[in-house]
Amino acid sequence: MVLMARGADALQELADHVRTRGGTADVIPVDLRDTEAAGSAGERVVAVHGAPALLVSNAGHSVHRDVARYTDRFHDVTRLVGVNMLGPIALALPLLAAMMRARSGQLVSVGSVGMTLPGPGWSVYTASKAGYDAWLRSVSPELRRAGISASSVHLPLTRTAMSSPTYSGTRLPALSPDDAATWVCRAVVTRQRVVAPWWARVGGVLTVGAPTAADRLAGTVWRRTS
């Protein structure tokens, strides 16, 4: 197992936890905003461990901010696109190259239901996550011909440190981290192309089929909650 994240101390703590249970874990601290470092991390994995059987792309960074509040903060856009789209692709490419040579493997992307639904206040987060998801949707047929499966997990609200600043006091239903992990495991075991709640699938269809109505509904909800 290879663990990657920005925080070296947290990574080492998780690796120690894995080892106490008889597993093996290599640790590679990497900030995905640095696409060169992300690509190098992928190359290191291949050089040391060979083609991976599974890549779980779970990195995420969010900013809850209305567009009127970031018209002078383009750096909000660049840092989220770096973590949620460009960095994960840079990391995945050398790993996918090795998988294609081995003609086996699986890529699981962890995203949000917001990728297919209007999300006022979450525009940069959902756009950057949706960008990676669109890339995966486009390369999935190519990967499948090479013996590699691709799964996209669209998680609903999950109570984590990332969501806490915005949703700590909400009564909205939410998954626990363990619940979210179960969804990811489902994608790994079943190799479903998309794992998402039924209501998000329906909402995505309605958003495409009736975009004006979807905008109005989302705008009404946004005004009531902002």
C-alpha atoms as a PDB file:
ATOM      1  CA  MET A   1       0.000   0.000   0.000  1.00  0.00           C
ATOM      2  CA  VAL A   2       1.200   3.516  -0.837  1.00  0.00           C
ATOM      3  CA  LEU A   3      -0.272   6.460   1.075  1.00  0.00           C
ATOM      4  CA  MET A   4      -0.114  10.005  -0.268  1.00  0.00           C
ATOM      5  CA  ALA A   5      -1.229  13.322   1.231  1.00  0.00           C
ATOM      6  CA  ARG A   6       0.187  16.719   2.135  1.00  0.00           C
ATOM      7  CA  GLY A   7       0.607  16.043   5.868  1.00  0.00           C
ATOM      8  CA  ALA A   8       3.679  13.888   6.487  1.00  0.00           C
ATOM      9  CA  ASP A   9       2.921  13.379  10.193  1.00  0.00           C
ATOM     10  CA  ALA A  10      -0.655  12.222   9.580  1.00  0.00           C
ATOM     11  CA  LEU A  11       0.541   9.937   6.797  1.00  0.00           C
ATOM     12  CA  GLN A  12       3.124   8.345   9.067  1.00  0.00           C
ATOM     13  CA  GLU A  13       0.545   7.839  11.801  1.00  0.00           C
ATOM     14  CA  LEU A  14      -1.767   6.072   9.342  1.00  0.00           C
ATOM     15  CA  ALA A  15       1.090   3.968   7.994  1.00  0.00           C
ATOM     16  CA  ASP A  16       2.000   2.880  11.534  1.00  0.00           C
ATOM     17  CA  HIS A  17      -1.644   1.914  12.095  1.00  0.00           C
ATOM     18  CA  VAL A  18      -1.584  -0.230   8.946  1.00  0.00           C
ATOM     19  CA  ARG A  19       1.665  -1.906   9.983  1.00  0.00           C
ATOM     20  CA  THR A  20       0.408  -2.797  13.471  1.00  0.00           C
ATOM     21  CA  ARG A  21      -2.265  -4.849  11.705  1.00  0.00           C
ATOM     22  CA  GLY A  22       0.206  -6.760   9.605  1.00  0.00           C
ATOM     23  CA  GLY A  23       0.041  -4.614   6.481  1.00  0.00           C
ATOM     24  CA  THR A  24       2.732  -2.764   4.596  1.00  0.00           C
ATOM     25  CA  ALA A  25       2.654   0.939   3.811  1.00  0.00           C
ATOM     26  CA  ASP A  26       4.934   3.289   1.932  1.00  0.00           C
ATOM     27  CA  VAL A  27       4.505   7.021   2.596  1.00  0.00           C
ATOM     28  CA  ILE A  28       4.897   9.746  -0.036  1.00  0.00           C
ATOM     29  CA  PRO A  29       4.055  13.294   1.125  1.00  0.00           C
ATOM     30  CA  VAL A  30       2.956  15.349  -1.888  1.00  0.00           C
ATOM     31  CA  ASP A  31       1.016  18.560  -2.487  1.00  0.00           C
ATOM     32  CA  LEU A  32      -1.111  18.006  -5.598  1.00  0.00           C
ATOM     33  CA  ARG A  33      -1.077  21.724  -6.376  1.00  0.00           C
ATOM     34  CA  ASP A  34       2.483  21.055  -7.526  1.00  0.00           C
ATOM     35  CA  THR A  35       1.724  19.042 -10.657  1.00  0.00           C
ATOM     36  CA  GLU A  36       5.399  18.264 -11.291  1.00  0.00           C
ATOM     37  CA  ALA A  37       5.699  16.768  -7.795  1.00  0.00           C
ATOM     38  CA  ALA A  38       2.458  14.846  -8.323  1.00  0.00           C
ATOM     39  CA  GLY A  39       3.746  13.320 -11.548  1.00  0.00           C
ATOM     40  CA  SER A  40       7.065  12.458  -9.908  1.00  0.00           C
ATOM     41  CA  ALA A  41       5.202  10.738  -7.063  1.00  0.00           C
ATOM     42  CA  GLY A  42       3.375   8.571  -9.579  1.00  0.00           C
ATOM     43  CA  GLU A  43       6.643   7.680 -11.289  1.00  0.00           C
ATOM     44  CA  ARG A  44       8.190   6.768  -7.923  1.00  0.00           C
ATOM     45  CA  VAL A  45       5.332   4.387  -7.168  1.00  0.00           C
ATOM     46  CA  VAL A  46       5.831   2.592 -10.468  1.00  0.00           C
ATOM     47  CA  ALA A  47       9.619   2.437 -10.050  1.00  0.00           C
ATOM     48  CA  VAL A  48       9.419   0.971  -6.536  1.00  0.00           C
ATOM     49  CA  HIS A  49       6.212  -1.065  -6.606  1.00  0.00           C
ATOM     50  CA  GLY A  50       5.380  -1.643 -10.252  1.00  0.00           C
ATOM     51  CA  ALA A  51       1.905  -1.252 -11.733  1.00  0.00           C
ATOM     52  CA  PRO A  52      -0.688  -0.667  -9.005  1.00  0.00           C
ATOM     53  CA  ALA A  53      -3.754  -2.870  -8.778  1.00  0.00           C
ATOM     54  CA  LEU A  54      -5.838   0.039  -7.493  1.00  0.00           C
ATOM     55  CA  LEU A  55      -5.627   3.820  -7.414  1.00  0.00           C
ATOM     56  CA  VAL A  56      -8.108   5.645  -5.185  1.00  0.00           C
ATOM     57  CA  SER A  57      -8.138   9.349  -6.067  1.00  0.00           C
ATOM     58  CA  ASN A  58      -9.628  10.876  -2.924  1.00  0.00           C
ATOM     59  CA  ALA A  59      -7.876  14.238  -2.616  1.00  0.00           C
ATOM     60  CA  GLY A  60     -10.174  17.212  -2.225  1.00  0.00           C
ATOM     61  CA  HIS A  61     -10.171  20.859  -1.283  1.00  0.00           C
ATOM     62  CA  SER A  62     -13.251  23.075  -1.051  1.00  0.00           C
ATOM     63  CA  VAL A  63     -14.059  26.726  -0.585  1.00  0.00           C
ATOM     64  CA  HIS A  64     -17.619  27.833   0.142  1.00  0.00           C
ATOM     65  CA  ARG A  65     -17.786  31.289  -1.414  1.00  0.00           C
ATOM     66  CA  ASP A  66     -20.336  33.068  -3.601  1.00  0.00           C
ATOM     67  CA  VAL A  67     -19.020  34.314  -6.929  1.00  0.00           C
ATOM     68  CA  ALA A  68     -19.438  37.941  -5.827  1.00  0.00           C
ATOM     69  CA  ARG A  69     -16.920  37.236  -3.082  1.00  0.00           C
ATOM     70  CA  TYR A  70     -14.171  35.804  -5.284  1.00  0.00           C
ATOM     71  CA  THR A  71     -14.237  38.086  -8.343  1.00  0.00           C
ATOM     72  CA  ASP A  72     -10.911  39.464  -7.086  1.00  0.00           C
ATOM     73  CA  ARG A  73      -9.606  36.115  -5.774  1.00  0.00           C
ATOM     74  CA  PHE A  74      -8.686  34.087  -8.856  1.00  0.00           C
ATOM     75  CA  HIS A  75      -6.153  32.226  -6.728  1.00  0.00           C
ATOM     76  CA  ASP A  76      -9.137  30.454  -5.139  1.00  0.00           C
ATOM     77  CA  VAL A  77      -9.826  28.957  -8.551  1.00  0.00           C
ATOM     78  CA  THR A  78      -6.249  27.936  -9.297  1.00  0.00           C
ATOM     79  CA  ARG A  79      -5.621  26.214  -5.965  1.00  0.00           C
ATOM     80  CA  LEU A  80      -8.859  24.204  -6.083  1.00  0.00           C
ATOM     81  CA  VAL A  81      -8.318  23.181  -9.700  1.00  0.00           C
ATOM     82  CA  GLY A  82      -4.792  22.121  -8.730  1.00  0.00           C
ATOM     83  CA  VAL A  83      -5.919  19.853  -5.887  1.00  0.00           C
ATOM     84  CA  ASN A  84      -9.160  18.558  -7.391  1.00  0.00           C
ATOM     85  CA  MET A  85      -8.264  18.138 -11.064  1.00  0.00           C
ATOM     86  CA  LEU A  86      -4.777  18.895 -12.396  1.00  0.00           C
ATOM     87  CA  GLY A  87      -2.780  17.271  -9.587  1.00  0.00           C
ATOM     88  CA  PRO A  88      -4.812  14.051  -9.541  1.00  0.00           C
ATOM     89  CA  ILE A  89      -4.466  13.730 -13.322  1.00  0.00           C
ATOM     90  CA  ALA A  90      -0.697  14.363 -13.148  1.00  0.00           C
ATOM     91  CA  LEU A  91      -0.415  11.665 -10.471  1.00  0.00           C
ATOM     92  CA  ALA A  92      -2.626   9.213 -12.340  1.00  0.00           C
ATOM     93  CA  LEU A  93      -0.941   9.372 -15.750  1.00  0.00           C
ATOM     94  CA  PRO A  94       2.273   7.436 -14.945  1.00  0.00           C
ATOM     95  CA  LEU A  95       0.248   4.958 -12.883  1.00  0.00           C
ATOM     96  CA  LEU A  96      -2.204   4.420 -15.732  1.00  0.00           C
ATOM     97  CA  ALA A  97       0.680   3.946 -18.157  1.00  0.00           C
ATOM     98  CA  ALA A  98       1.969   1.101 -15.963  1.00  0.00           C
ATOM     99  CA  MET A  99      -1.526  -0.365 -15.621  1.00  0.00           C
ATOM    100  CA  MET A 100      -1.998  -0.320 -19.381  1.00  0.00           C
ATOM    101  CA  ARG A 101       1.285  -2.149 -19.872  1.00  0.00           C
ATOM    102  CA  ALA A 102       0.125  -4.734 -17.320  1.00  0.00           C
ATOM    103  CA  ARG A 103      -3.384  -4.734 -18.834  1.00  0.00           C
ATOM    104  CA  SER A 104      -4.989  -4.703 -15.397  1.00  0.00           C
ATOM    105  CA  GLY A 105      -5.930  -2.312 -12.619  1.00  0.00           C
ATOM    106  CA  GLN A 106      -8.660  -0.045 -11.338  1.00  0.00           C
ATOM    107  CA  LEU A 107      -9.055   3.699 -10.842  1.00  0.00           C
ATOM    108  CA  VAL A 108     -11.615   4.929  -8.325  1.00  0.00           C
ATOM    109  CA  SER A 109     -12.383   8.653  -8.156  1.00  0.00           C
ATOM    110  CA  VAL A 110     -14.120  10.092  -5.098  1.00  0.00           C
ATOM    111  CA  GLY A 111     -16.206  13.142  -5.921  1.00  0.00           C
ATOM    112  CA  SER A 112     -19.429  14.845  -4.906  1.00  0.00           C
ATOM    113  CA  VAL A 113     -23.095  14.733  -5.867  1.00  0.00           C
ATOM    114  CA  GLY A 114     -22.618  18.430  -6.584  1.00  0.00           C
ATOM    115  CA  MET A 115     -20.773  17.520  -9.779  1.00  0.00           C
ATOM    116  CA  THR A 116     -24.108  16.983 -11.548  1.00  0.00           C
ATOM    117  CA  LEU A 117     -26.291  19.453  -9.621  1.00  0.00           C
ATOM    118  CA  PRO A 118     -26.385  23.266  -9.421  1.00  0.00           C
ATOM    119  CA  GLY A 119     -24.377  24.376  -6.396  1.00  0.00           C
ATOM    120  CA  PRO A 120     -24.497  28.110  -5.673  1.00  0.00           C
ATOM    121  CA  GLY A 121     -21.660  28.985  -3.316  1.00  0.00           C
ATOM    122  CA  TRP A 122     -19.710  25.880  -4.315  1.00  0.00           C
ATOM    123  CA  SER A 123     -18.992  26.793  -7.932  1.00  0.00           C
ATOM    124  CA  VAL A 124     -15.213  26.352  -7.934  1.00  0.00           C
ATOM    125  CA  TYR A 125     -15.281  23.165  -5.874  1.00  0.00           C
ATOM    126  CA  THR A 126     -17.931  21.470  -7.985  1.00  0.00           C
ATOM    127  CA  ALA A 127     -16.423  22.687 -11.255  1.00  0.00           C
ATOM    128  CA  SER A 128     -12.961  21.386 -10.391  1.00  0.00           C
ATOM    129  CA  LYS A 129     -14.321  18.043  -9.170  1.00  0.00           C
ATOM    130  CA  ALA A 130     -16.572  17.795 -12.231  1.00  0.00           C
ATOM    131  CA  GLY A 131     -13.573  18.488 -14.462  1.00  0.00           C
ATOM    132  CA  TYR A 132     -11.757  15.422 -13.153  1.00  0.00           C
ATOM    133  CA  ASP A 133     -14.956  13.400 -13.422  1.00  0.00           C
ATOM    134  CA  ALA A 134     -15.425  14.470 -17.053  1.00  0.00           C
ATOM    135  CA  TRP A 135     -11.835  13.474 -17.794  1.00  0.00           C
ATOM    136  CA  LEU A 136     -12.416  10.075 -16.208  1.00  0.00           C
ATOM    137  CA  ARG A 137     -15.673   9.642 -18.132  1.00  0.00           C
ATOM    138  CA  SER A 138     -13.831  10.326 -21.373  1.00  0.00           C
ATOM    139  CA  VAL A 139     -10.856   8.034 -20.760  1.00  0.00           C
ATOM    140  CA  SER A 140     -12.903   5.208 -19.221  1.00  0.00           C
ATOM    141  CA  PRO A 141     -13.711   3.532 -22.582  1.00  0.00           C
ATOM    142  CA  GLU A 142     -10.030   3.689 -23.520  1.00  0.00           C
ATOM    143  CA  LEU A 143      -8.963   2.238 -20.180  1.00  0.00           C
ATOM    144  CA  ARG A 144     -11.544  -0.525 -20.399  1.00  0.00           C
ATOM    145  CA  ARG A 145     -10.059  -1.691 -23.713  1.00  0.00           C
ATOM    146  CA  ALA A 146      -6.711  -1.915 -21.899  1.00  0.00           C
ATOM    147  CA  GLY A 147      -8.158  -4.062 -19.107  1.00  0.00           C
ATOM    148  CA  ILE A 148      -8.556  -1.239 -16.565  1.00  0.00           C
ATOM    149  CA  SER A 149     -11.849  -0.371 -14.887  1.00  0.00           C
ATOM    150  CA  ALA A 150     -12.837   3.104 -13.746  1.00  0.00           C
ATOM    151  CA  SER A 151     -15.353   3.991 -11.051  1.00  0.00           C
ATOM    152  CA  SER A 152     -16.655   7.386  -9.986  1.00  0.00           C
ATOM    153  CA  VAL A 153     -18.098   7.763  -6.481  1.00  0.00           C
ATOM    154  CA  HIS A 154     -20.489  10.709  -6.044  1.00  0.00           C
ATOM    155  CA  LEU A 155     -20.710  11.208  -2.287  1.00  0.00           C
ATOM    156  CA  PRO A 156     -23.492  13.191  -0.623  1.00  0.00           C
ATOM    157  CA  LEU A 157     -22.671  15.445   2.334  1.00  0.00           C
ATOM    158  CA  THR A 158     -20.046  13.756   4.524  1.00  0.00           C
ATOM    159  CA  ARG A 159     -19.064  14.985   7.972  1.00  0.00           C
ATOM    160  CA  THR A 160     -15.329  15.625   7.769  1.00  0.00           C
ATOM    161  CA  ALA A 161     -12.902  18.349   8.790  1.00  0.00           C
ATOM    162  CA  MET A 162     -13.350  19.828   5.298  1.00  0.00           C
ATOM    163  CA  SER A 163     -17.140  20.157   5.596  1.00  0.00           C
ATOM    164  CA  SER A 164     -17.183  21.154   9.271  1.00  0.00           C
ATOM    165  CA  PRO A 165     -16.699  24.933   8.828  1.00  0.00           C
ATOM    166  CA  THR A 166     -19.837  25.120   6.683  1.00  0.00           C
ATOM    167  CA  TYR A 167     -22.038  22.316   7.960  1.00  0.00           C
ATOM    168  CA  SER A 168     -21.072  21.790  11.606  1.00  0.00           C
ATOM    169  CA  GLY A 169     -24.444  23.074  12.861  1.00  0.00           C
ATOM    170  CA  THR A 170     -26.681  21.754  10.105  1.00  0.00           C
ATOM    171  CA  ARG A 171     -29.391  19.158  10.561  1.00  0.00           C
ATOM    172  CA  LEU A 172     -28.995  17.900   7.025  1.00  0.00           C
ATOM    173  CA  PRO A 173     -28.447  14.139   6.799  1.00  0.00           C
ATOM    174  CA  ALA A 174     -24.818  13.291   6.219  1.00  0.00           C
ATOM    175  CA  LEU A 175     -22.537  10.296   5.894  1.00  0.00           C
ATOM    176  CA  SER A 176     -19.887   9.525   8.465  1.00  0.00           C
ATOM    177  CA  PRO A 177     -16.310   8.936   7.227  1.00  0.00           C
ATOM    178  CA  ASP A 178     -16.872   5.201   7.754  1.00  0.00           C
ATOM    179  CA  ASP A 179     -20.061   5.374   5.658  1.00  0.00           C
ATOM    180  CA  ALA A 180     -18.153   7.146   2.882  1.00  0.00           C
ATOM    181  CA  ALA A 181     -15.414   4.504   3.029  1.00  0.00           C
ATOM    182  CA  THR A 182     -18.101   1.850   2.544  1.00  0.00           C
ATOM    183  CA  TRP A 183     -19.210   3.578  -0.662  1.00  0.00           C
ATOM    184  CA  VAL A 184     -15.615   3.552  -1.925  1.00  0.00           C
ATOM    185  CA  CYS A 185     -15.240  -0.125  -1.027  1.00  0.00           C
ATOM    186  CA  ARG A 186     -18.465  -0.843  -2.927  1.00  0.00           C
ATOM    187  CA  ALA A 187     -16.934   0.722  -6.033  1.00  0.00           C
ATOM    188  CA  VAL A 188     -13.770  -1.352  -5.596  1.00  0.00           C
ATOM    189  CA  VAL A 189     -15.647  -4.631  -5.169  1.00  0.00           C
ATOM    190  CA  THR A 190     -18.426  -4.163  -7.740  1.00  0.00           C
ATOM    191  CA  ARG A 191     -16.418  -2.094 -10.238  1.00  0.00           C
ATOM    192  CA  GLN A 192     -19.561  -0.074 -10.958  1.00  0.00           C
ATOM    193  CA  ARG A 193     -18.904   2.791 -13.335  1.00  0.00           C
ATOM    194  CA  VAL A 194     -20.780   5.245 -11.064  1.00  0.00           C
ATOM    195  CA  VAL A 195     -21.723   4.876  -7.404  1.00  0.00           C
ATOM    196  CA  ALA A 196     -24.195   7.616  -6.432  1.00  0.00           C
ATOM    197  CA  PRO A 197     -27.458   8.064  -4.512  1.00  0.00           C
ATOM    198  CA  TRP A 198     -30.575   7.631  -6.643  1.00  0.00           C
ATOM    199  CA  TRP A 199     -31.779  11.171  -5.994  1.00  0.00           C
ATOM    200  CA  ALA A 200     -28.530  12.631  -7.342  1.00  0.00           C
ATOM    201  CA  ARG A 201     -28.918  10.612 -10.541  1.00  0.00           C
ATOM    202  CA  VAL A 202     -32.488  11.867 -10.949  1.00  0.00           C
ATOM    203  CA  GLY A 203     -31.428  15.422 -10.137  1.00  0.00           C
ATOM    204  CA  GLY A 204     -28.651  15.251 -12.705  1.00  0.00           C
ATOM    205  CA  VAL A 205     -31.093  14.186 -15.419  1.00  0.00           C
ATOM    206  CA  LEU A 206     -33.517  16.974 -14.485  1.00  0.00           C
ATOM    207  CA  THR A 207     -30.711  19.528 -14.423  1.00  0.00           C
ATOM    208  CA  VAL A 208     -29.779  18.652 -18.009  1.00  0.00           C
ATOM    209  CA  GLY A 209     -33.377  18.315 -19.189  1.00  0.00           C
ATOM    210  CA  ALA A 210     -34.761  21.421 -17.502  1.00  0.00           C
ATOM    211  CA  PRO A 211     -31.820  23.735 -16.760  1.00  0.00           C
ATOM    212  CA  THR A 212     -33.881  26.908 -16.282  1.00  0.00           C
ATOM    213  CA  ALA A 213     -36.132  25.253 -13.714  1.00  0.00           C
ATOM    214  CA  ALA A 214     -33.069  23.773 -11.999  1.00  0.00           C
ATOM    215  CA  ASP A 215     -31.450  27.215 -11.811  1.00  0.00           C
ATOM    216  CA  ARG A 216     -34.568  28.731 -10.289  1.00  0.00           C
ATOM    217  CA  LEU A 217     -34.910  25.978  -7.712  1.00  0.00           C
ATOM    218  CA  ALA A 218     -31.249  26.148  -6.752  1.00  0.00           C
ATOM    219  CA  GLY A 219     -31.438  29.937  -6.531  1.00  0.00           C
ATOM    220  CA  THR A 220     -34.436  29.737  -4.206  1.00  0.00           C
ATOM    221  CA  VAL A 221     -32.663  27.286  -1.915  1.00  0.00           C
ATOM    222  CA  TRP A 222     -29.506  29.398  -1.963  1.00  0.00           C
ATOM    223  CA  ARG A 223     -31.378  32.587  -0.986  1.00  0.00           C
ATOM    224  CA  ARG A 224     -33.074  30.826   1.925  1.00  0.00           C
ATOM    225  CA  THR A 225     -29.862  29.365   3.278  1.00  0.00           C
ATOM    226  CA  SER A 226     -27.396  32.190   2.655  1.00  0.00           C
END
